[in-house]
N, C-alpha and C. Protein backbone atom coordinates (compact mmCIF):
# COMPACT_ATOMS: atom_id res chain seq x y z
N MET A 1 16.50 10.13 -17.71
CA MET A 1 17.10 8.82 -17.67
C MET A 1 16.07 7.77 -17.26
N LYS A 2 15.26 8.08 -16.28
CA LYS A 2 14.22 7.14 -15.84
C LYS A 2 13.29 6.79 -17.01
N THR A 3 12.94 7.80 -17.80
CA THR A 3 12.05 7.56 -18.94
C THR A 3 12.69 6.61 -19.94
N ALA A 4 13.95 6.84 -20.27
CA ALA A 4 14.63 5.99 -21.25
C ALA A 4 14.81 4.56 -20.75
N LEU A 5 15.15 4.41 -19.48
CA LEU A 5 15.47 3.09 -18.97
C LEU A 5 14.26 2.30 -18.49
N LEU A 6 13.26 2.98 -17.94
CA LEU A 6 12.14 2.26 -17.32
C LEU A 6 10.80 2.44 -18.02
N GLU A 7 10.69 3.43 -18.90
CA GLU A 7 9.40 3.73 -19.52
C GLU A 7 9.46 3.69 -21.04
N ASP A 8 10.39 2.92 -21.58
CA ASP A 8 10.55 2.78 -23.03
C ASP A 8 10.73 4.10 -23.76
N GLY A 9 11.39 5.05 -23.09
CA GLY A 9 11.66 6.34 -23.71
C GLY A 9 12.77 6.25 -24.74
N ALA A 10 13.00 7.36 -25.41
CA ALA A 10 13.98 7.43 -26.50
C ALA A 10 15.40 7.59 -25.97
N PHE A 11 16.33 7.09 -26.75
CA PHE A 11 17.76 7.28 -26.51
C PHE A 11 18.31 8.15 -27.63
N SER A 12 19.55 8.61 -27.46
CA SER A 12 20.19 9.47 -28.45
C SER A 12 21.26 8.69 -29.22
N ARG A 13 21.03 8.48 -30.51
CA ARG A 13 22.05 7.84 -31.36
C ARG A 13 23.26 8.76 -31.50
N ALA A 14 23.02 10.06 -31.60
CA ALA A 14 24.12 11.02 -31.74
C ALA A 14 25.03 10.98 -30.52
N LEU A 15 24.46 10.86 -29.32
CA LEU A 15 25.29 10.79 -28.11
C LEU A 15 26.10 9.50 -28.10
N PHE A 16 25.50 8.39 -28.52
CA PHE A 16 26.27 7.14 -28.62
C PHE A 16 27.46 7.35 -29.54
N GLU A 17 27.23 7.91 -30.72
CA GLU A 17 28.30 8.10 -31.70
C GLU A 17 29.35 9.07 -31.19
N PHE A 18 28.93 10.10 -30.49
CA PHE A 18 29.85 11.13 -29.99
C PHE A 18 30.63 10.66 -28.77
N ASP A 19 29.97 9.96 -27.85
CA ASP A 19 30.55 9.74 -26.53
C ASP A 19 30.90 8.29 -26.21
N LEU A 20 30.26 7.33 -26.82
CA LEU A 20 30.51 5.93 -26.46
C LEU A 20 31.24 5.13 -27.54
N GLU A 21 30.94 5.40 -28.78
CA GLU A 21 31.46 4.57 -29.87
C GLU A 21 32.98 4.47 -29.86
N ALA A 22 33.66 5.58 -29.62
CA ALA A 22 35.12 5.59 -29.63
C ALA A 22 35.72 4.84 -28.44
N ARG A 23 34.91 4.53 -27.44
CA ARG A 23 35.42 3.87 -26.24
C ARG A 23 35.08 2.38 -26.18
N ILE A 24 34.55 1.85 -27.25
CA ILE A 24 34.16 0.44 -27.26
C ILE A 24 35.34 -0.46 -26.91
N GLU A 25 36.50 -0.23 -27.51
CA GLU A 25 37.67 -1.08 -27.24
C GLU A 25 38.06 -1.06 -25.77
N ALA A 26 38.00 0.10 -25.14
CA ALA A 26 38.33 0.19 -23.71
C ALA A 26 37.34 -0.61 -22.87
N TYR A 27 36.07 -0.54 -23.22
CA TYR A 27 35.07 -1.31 -22.48
C TYR A 27 35.21 -2.81 -22.74
N LEU A 28 35.55 -3.19 -23.96
CA LEU A 28 35.81 -4.60 -24.25
C LEU A 28 36.98 -5.12 -23.41
N GLN A 29 38.03 -4.33 -23.33
CA GLN A 29 39.19 -4.71 -22.53
C GLN A 29 38.79 -4.89 -21.06
N SER A 30 38.02 -3.95 -20.53
CA SER A 30 37.56 -4.05 -19.15
C SER A 30 36.71 -5.31 -18.94
N LYS A 31 35.82 -5.57 -19.88
CA LYS A 31 34.95 -6.76 -19.80
C LYS A 31 35.79 -8.03 -19.73
N HIS A 32 36.80 -8.12 -20.58
CA HIS A 32 37.65 -9.31 -20.61
C HIS A 32 38.51 -9.42 -19.36
N GLU A 33 39.10 -8.31 -18.93
CA GLU A 33 39.95 -8.33 -17.73
C GLU A 33 39.16 -8.76 -16.50
N ASP A 34 37.91 -8.34 -16.41
CA ASP A 34 37.09 -8.63 -15.23
C ASP A 34 36.33 -9.95 -15.34
N GLY A 35 36.39 -10.59 -16.51
CA GLY A 35 35.68 -11.85 -16.69
C GLY A 35 34.16 -11.68 -16.71
N ASP A 36 33.70 -10.51 -17.17
CA ASP A 36 32.26 -10.26 -17.24
C ASP A 36 31.66 -10.98 -18.45
N LYS A 37 30.44 -11.45 -18.28
CA LYS A 37 29.72 -12.07 -19.40
C LYS A 37 29.11 -10.98 -20.29
N PHE A 38 28.57 -9.95 -19.66
CA PHE A 38 27.99 -8.81 -20.35
C PHE A 38 28.47 -7.55 -19.67
N LEU A 39 28.40 -6.43 -20.38
CA LEU A 39 28.73 -5.14 -19.80
C LEU A 39 27.79 -4.11 -20.41
N PHE A 40 27.18 -3.28 -19.56
CA PHE A 40 26.37 -2.21 -20.13
C PHE A 40 26.84 -0.87 -19.60
N VAL A 41 26.67 0.14 -20.46
CA VAL A 41 27.19 1.48 -20.21
C VAL A 41 26.08 2.49 -20.47
N ILE A 42 26.00 3.49 -19.59
CA ILE A 42 25.06 4.60 -19.75
C ILE A 42 25.87 5.89 -19.85
N ALA A 43 25.54 6.74 -20.81
CA ALA A 43 26.13 8.07 -20.94
C ALA A 43 25.00 9.09 -20.96
N GLU A 44 25.31 10.29 -20.44
CA GLU A 44 24.31 11.37 -20.41
C GLU A 44 25.01 12.69 -20.68
N LYS A 45 24.44 13.47 -21.56
CA LYS A 45 24.91 14.83 -21.85
C LYS A 45 23.69 15.66 -22.23
N SER A 46 23.56 16.81 -21.61
CA SER A 46 22.48 17.75 -21.95
C SER A 46 21.11 17.07 -21.97
N ASN A 47 20.86 16.25 -20.97
CA ASN A 47 19.59 15.54 -20.81
C ASN A 47 19.30 14.51 -21.90
N GLU A 48 20.31 14.14 -22.66
CA GLU A 48 20.17 13.04 -23.62
C GLU A 48 20.87 11.82 -23.04
N ILE A 49 20.33 10.65 -23.32
CA ILE A 49 20.84 9.39 -22.78
C ILE A 49 21.23 8.46 -23.92
N ALA A 50 22.35 7.78 -23.76
CA ALA A 50 22.76 6.72 -24.68
C ALA A 50 23.12 5.50 -23.85
N MET A 51 22.91 4.33 -24.43
CA MET A 51 23.18 3.08 -23.74
C MET A 51 23.85 2.12 -24.71
N MET A 52 24.78 1.35 -24.17
CA MET A 52 25.47 0.33 -24.96
C MET A 52 25.55 -0.92 -24.11
N LEU A 53 25.33 -2.08 -24.72
CA LEU A 53 25.50 -3.36 -24.04
C LEU A 53 26.41 -4.22 -24.90
N ILE A 54 27.47 -4.74 -24.30
CA ILE A 54 28.37 -5.66 -24.99
C ILE A 54 28.02 -7.06 -24.50
N ASP A 55 27.63 -7.93 -25.42
CA ASP A 55 27.16 -9.26 -25.01
C ASP A 55 28.31 -10.25 -24.86
N GLU A 56 27.97 -11.49 -24.56
CA GLU A 56 28.97 -12.52 -24.28
C GLU A 56 29.85 -12.82 -25.49
N ASN A 57 29.39 -12.48 -26.70
CA ASN A 57 30.16 -12.68 -27.92
C ASN A 57 30.85 -11.41 -28.38
N ASP A 58 30.88 -10.40 -27.51
CA ASP A 58 31.49 -9.09 -27.77
C ASP A 58 30.77 -8.30 -28.85
N GLU A 59 29.52 -8.64 -29.12
CA GLU A 59 28.71 -7.85 -30.03
C GLU A 59 28.17 -6.64 -29.27
N VAL A 60 28.21 -5.49 -29.92
CA VAL A 60 27.76 -4.25 -29.30
C VAL A 60 26.31 -3.97 -29.70
N HIS A 61 25.46 -3.78 -28.70
CA HIS A 61 24.05 -3.43 -28.90
C HIS A 61 23.88 -2.00 -28.41
N VAL A 62 23.12 -1.21 -29.15
CA VAL A 62 23.03 0.23 -28.89
C VAL A 62 21.60 0.64 -28.57
N ASN A 63 21.49 1.49 -27.55
CA ASN A 63 20.26 2.17 -27.18
C ASN A 63 19.08 1.23 -27.00
N GLU A 64 18.02 1.37 -27.78
CA GLU A 64 16.82 0.55 -27.59
C GLU A 64 17.13 -0.94 -27.70
N ASP A 65 18.04 -1.31 -28.60
CA ASP A 65 18.42 -2.72 -28.72
C ASP A 65 19.14 -3.20 -27.46
N ALA A 66 19.98 -2.35 -26.90
CA ALA A 66 20.68 -2.69 -25.65
C ALA A 66 19.69 -2.85 -24.51
N ARG A 67 18.76 -1.92 -24.42
CA ARG A 67 17.74 -2.01 -23.36
C ARG A 67 16.91 -3.28 -23.51
N ALA A 68 16.50 -3.60 -24.73
CA ALA A 68 15.68 -4.80 -24.96
C ALA A 68 16.44 -6.07 -24.58
N LEU A 69 17.71 -6.14 -24.92
CA LEU A 69 18.50 -7.33 -24.57
C LEU A 69 18.69 -7.42 -23.06
N LEU A 70 18.98 -6.29 -22.41
CA LEU A 70 19.15 -6.31 -20.96
C LEU A 70 17.85 -6.71 -20.27
N MET A 71 16.73 -6.24 -20.78
CA MET A 71 15.43 -6.64 -20.22
C MET A 71 15.21 -8.15 -20.39
N LYS A 72 15.65 -8.69 -21.50
CA LYS A 72 15.52 -10.13 -21.73
C LYS A 72 16.43 -10.90 -20.77
N LEU A 73 17.66 -10.42 -20.60
CA LEU A 73 18.60 -11.10 -19.71
C LEU A 73 18.15 -11.04 -18.26
N TRP A 74 17.61 -9.89 -17.86
CA TRP A 74 17.18 -9.70 -16.47
C TRP A 74 15.69 -9.98 -16.29
N GLN A 75 15.01 -10.45 -17.29
CA GLN A 75 13.65 -10.96 -17.22
C GLN A 75 12.64 -10.02 -16.55
N GLY A 76 12.31 -8.95 -17.24
CA GLY A 76 11.19 -8.09 -16.87
C GLY A 76 11.31 -7.36 -15.56
N GLU A 77 10.65 -7.85 -14.53
CA GLU A 77 10.61 -7.15 -13.25
C GLU A 77 11.98 -7.10 -12.59
N ILE A 78 12.82 -8.10 -12.83
CA ILE A 78 14.18 -8.07 -12.29
C ILE A 78 14.94 -6.91 -12.93
N TYR A 79 14.72 -6.69 -14.23
CA TYR A 79 15.34 -5.55 -14.91
C TYR A 79 14.94 -4.26 -14.21
N LYS A 80 13.66 -4.05 -14.01
CA LYS A 80 13.19 -2.81 -13.37
C LYS A 80 13.75 -2.67 -11.97
N SER A 81 13.76 -3.74 -11.23
CA SER A 81 14.29 -3.71 -9.86
C SER A 81 15.78 -3.36 -9.86
N ASN A 82 16.56 -3.97 -10.75
CA ASN A 82 17.99 -3.67 -10.82
C ASN A 82 18.24 -2.23 -11.25
N ILE A 83 17.52 -1.75 -12.25
CA ILE A 83 17.70 -0.37 -12.69
C ILE A 83 17.37 0.59 -11.56
N ARG A 84 16.27 0.35 -10.85
CA ARG A 84 15.93 1.21 -9.70
C ARG A 84 17.01 1.16 -8.63
N LEU A 85 17.57 -0.02 -8.40
CA LEU A 85 18.64 -0.17 -7.42
C LEU A 85 19.88 0.62 -7.83
N PHE A 86 20.23 0.58 -9.12
CA PHE A 86 21.42 1.27 -9.62
C PHE A 86 21.20 2.75 -9.86
N MET A 87 19.95 3.20 -9.97
CA MET A 87 19.64 4.57 -10.38
C MET A 87 20.36 5.64 -9.55
N PRO A 88 20.38 5.58 -8.22
CA PRO A 88 21.09 6.63 -7.47
C PRO A 88 22.58 6.72 -7.83
N ASP A 89 23.24 5.57 -7.99
CA ASP A 89 24.64 5.59 -8.38
C ASP A 89 24.81 6.08 -9.81
N MET A 90 23.88 5.71 -10.69
CA MET A 90 23.93 6.20 -12.07
C MET A 90 23.90 7.72 -12.09
N VAL A 91 22.91 8.27 -11.40
CA VAL A 91 22.74 9.72 -11.37
C VAL A 91 23.98 10.39 -10.80
N ASN A 92 24.50 9.85 -9.72
CA ASN A 92 25.68 10.42 -9.08
C ASN A 92 26.88 10.45 -10.04
N GLU A 93 27.13 9.35 -10.70
CA GLU A 93 28.28 9.29 -11.61
C GLU A 93 28.07 10.11 -12.87
N LEU A 94 26.88 10.08 -13.42
CA LEU A 94 26.60 10.88 -14.61
C LEU A 94 26.68 12.36 -14.29
N ASP A 95 26.25 12.77 -13.10
CA ASP A 95 26.36 14.17 -12.69
C ASP A 95 27.82 14.62 -12.59
N LYS A 96 28.72 13.69 -12.33
CA LYS A 96 30.16 13.99 -12.26
C LYS A 96 30.81 14.02 -13.64
N GLY A 97 30.04 13.68 -14.67
CA GLY A 97 30.58 13.66 -16.03
C GLY A 97 31.16 12.31 -16.43
N ASN A 98 30.97 11.29 -15.58
CA ASN A 98 31.44 9.94 -15.89
C ASN A 98 30.38 9.16 -16.64
N HIS A 99 30.82 8.10 -17.30
CA HIS A 99 29.87 7.09 -17.77
C HIS A 99 29.57 6.21 -16.57
N TYR A 100 28.43 5.57 -16.61
CA TYR A 100 28.10 4.56 -15.59
C TYR A 100 28.12 3.23 -16.30
N PHE A 101 28.90 2.27 -15.78
CA PHE A 101 28.87 0.96 -16.42
C PHE A 101 28.88 -0.16 -15.41
N VAL A 102 28.28 -1.27 -15.83
CA VAL A 102 28.10 -2.43 -14.97
C VAL A 102 28.54 -3.67 -15.73
N GLY A 103 29.42 -4.43 -15.12
CA GLY A 103 29.79 -5.73 -15.65
C GLY A 103 28.89 -6.78 -15.03
N VAL A 104 28.39 -7.68 -15.86
CA VAL A 104 27.47 -8.72 -15.40
C VAL A 104 28.16 -10.07 -15.51
N LYS A 105 28.17 -10.79 -14.41
CA LYS A 105 28.76 -12.12 -14.36
C LYS A 105 27.66 -13.15 -14.18
N VAL A 106 27.98 -14.40 -14.44
CA VAL A 106 27.04 -15.50 -14.20
C VAL A 106 27.66 -16.37 -13.12
N ALA A 107 26.90 -16.59 -12.05
CA ALA A 107 27.37 -17.44 -10.95
C ALA A 107 26.71 -18.80 -11.06
N GLU A 108 27.48 -19.83 -10.91
CA GLU A 108 26.94 -21.19 -10.92
C GLU A 108 26.61 -21.57 -9.48
N ARG A 109 25.39 -21.99 -9.25
CA ARG A 109 24.96 -22.45 -7.93
C ARG A 109 24.32 -23.82 -8.12
N GLY A 110 25.11 -24.86 -7.95
CA GLY A 110 24.57 -26.19 -8.21
C GLY A 110 24.16 -26.28 -9.67
N ARG A 111 22.91 -26.56 -9.91
CA ARG A 111 22.41 -26.64 -11.29
C ARG A 111 21.78 -25.34 -11.75
N LYS A 112 21.64 -24.39 -10.84
CA LYS A 112 21.00 -23.12 -11.20
C LYS A 112 22.07 -22.09 -11.53
N LYS A 113 21.74 -21.24 -12.46
CA LYS A 113 22.60 -20.10 -12.78
C LYS A 113 21.98 -18.86 -12.19
N GLY A 114 22.81 -17.97 -11.71
CA GLY A 114 22.32 -16.70 -11.18
C GLY A 114 23.14 -15.56 -11.74
N TRP A 115 22.50 -14.44 -11.95
CA TRP A 115 23.18 -13.24 -12.47
C TRP A 115 23.54 -12.35 -11.31
N PHE A 116 24.70 -11.76 -11.36
CA PHE A 116 25.00 -10.69 -10.43
C PHE A 116 25.84 -9.66 -11.15
N SER A 117 25.80 -8.44 -10.66
CA SER A 117 26.38 -7.31 -11.38
C SER A 117 27.25 -6.48 -10.46
N PHE A 118 28.23 -5.81 -11.06
CA PHE A 118 29.08 -4.90 -10.33
C PHE A 118 29.08 -3.55 -11.03
N PRO A 119 28.50 -2.51 -10.42
CA PRO A 119 28.56 -1.19 -11.03
C PRO A 119 29.97 -0.62 -10.93
N ARG A 120 30.40 0.07 -11.98
CA ARG A 120 31.72 0.68 -11.99
C ARG A 120 31.68 2.00 -12.74
N LEU A 121 32.73 2.75 -12.62
CA LEU A 121 32.84 4.06 -13.27
C LEU A 121 33.79 3.99 -14.44
N PHE A 122 33.59 4.85 -15.39
CA PHE A 122 34.52 5.00 -16.50
C PHE A 122 34.28 6.39 -17.04
N SER A 123 35.27 7.24 -16.95
CA SER A 123 35.07 8.61 -17.43
C SER A 123 35.88 8.87 -18.66
């Protein structure tokens, strides 16, 4: 997982199709109910990793495209810092057979915008 998320490693398209694709509607519903701007999901099976990011327009980005967009949103080192921060919870939830997902909100602070995230489970 560390390789895929932090070292530009490969993701599994087959795992996305098998484990995440059928759950897109459920994740969209969660995103809307929680008022998230973005939502990203990690799945793991047999040491393969898949990632999905649903953007503010409800477009689904998969694997390397999802990682690239999240890196753009979290601007390089912030991306790495956030992934490292979430990594223990990711591992814990994936070891339980759950997906790991995070809803991302935008907070308005005066004229500045700030991103904050809430990790959640979805099995």
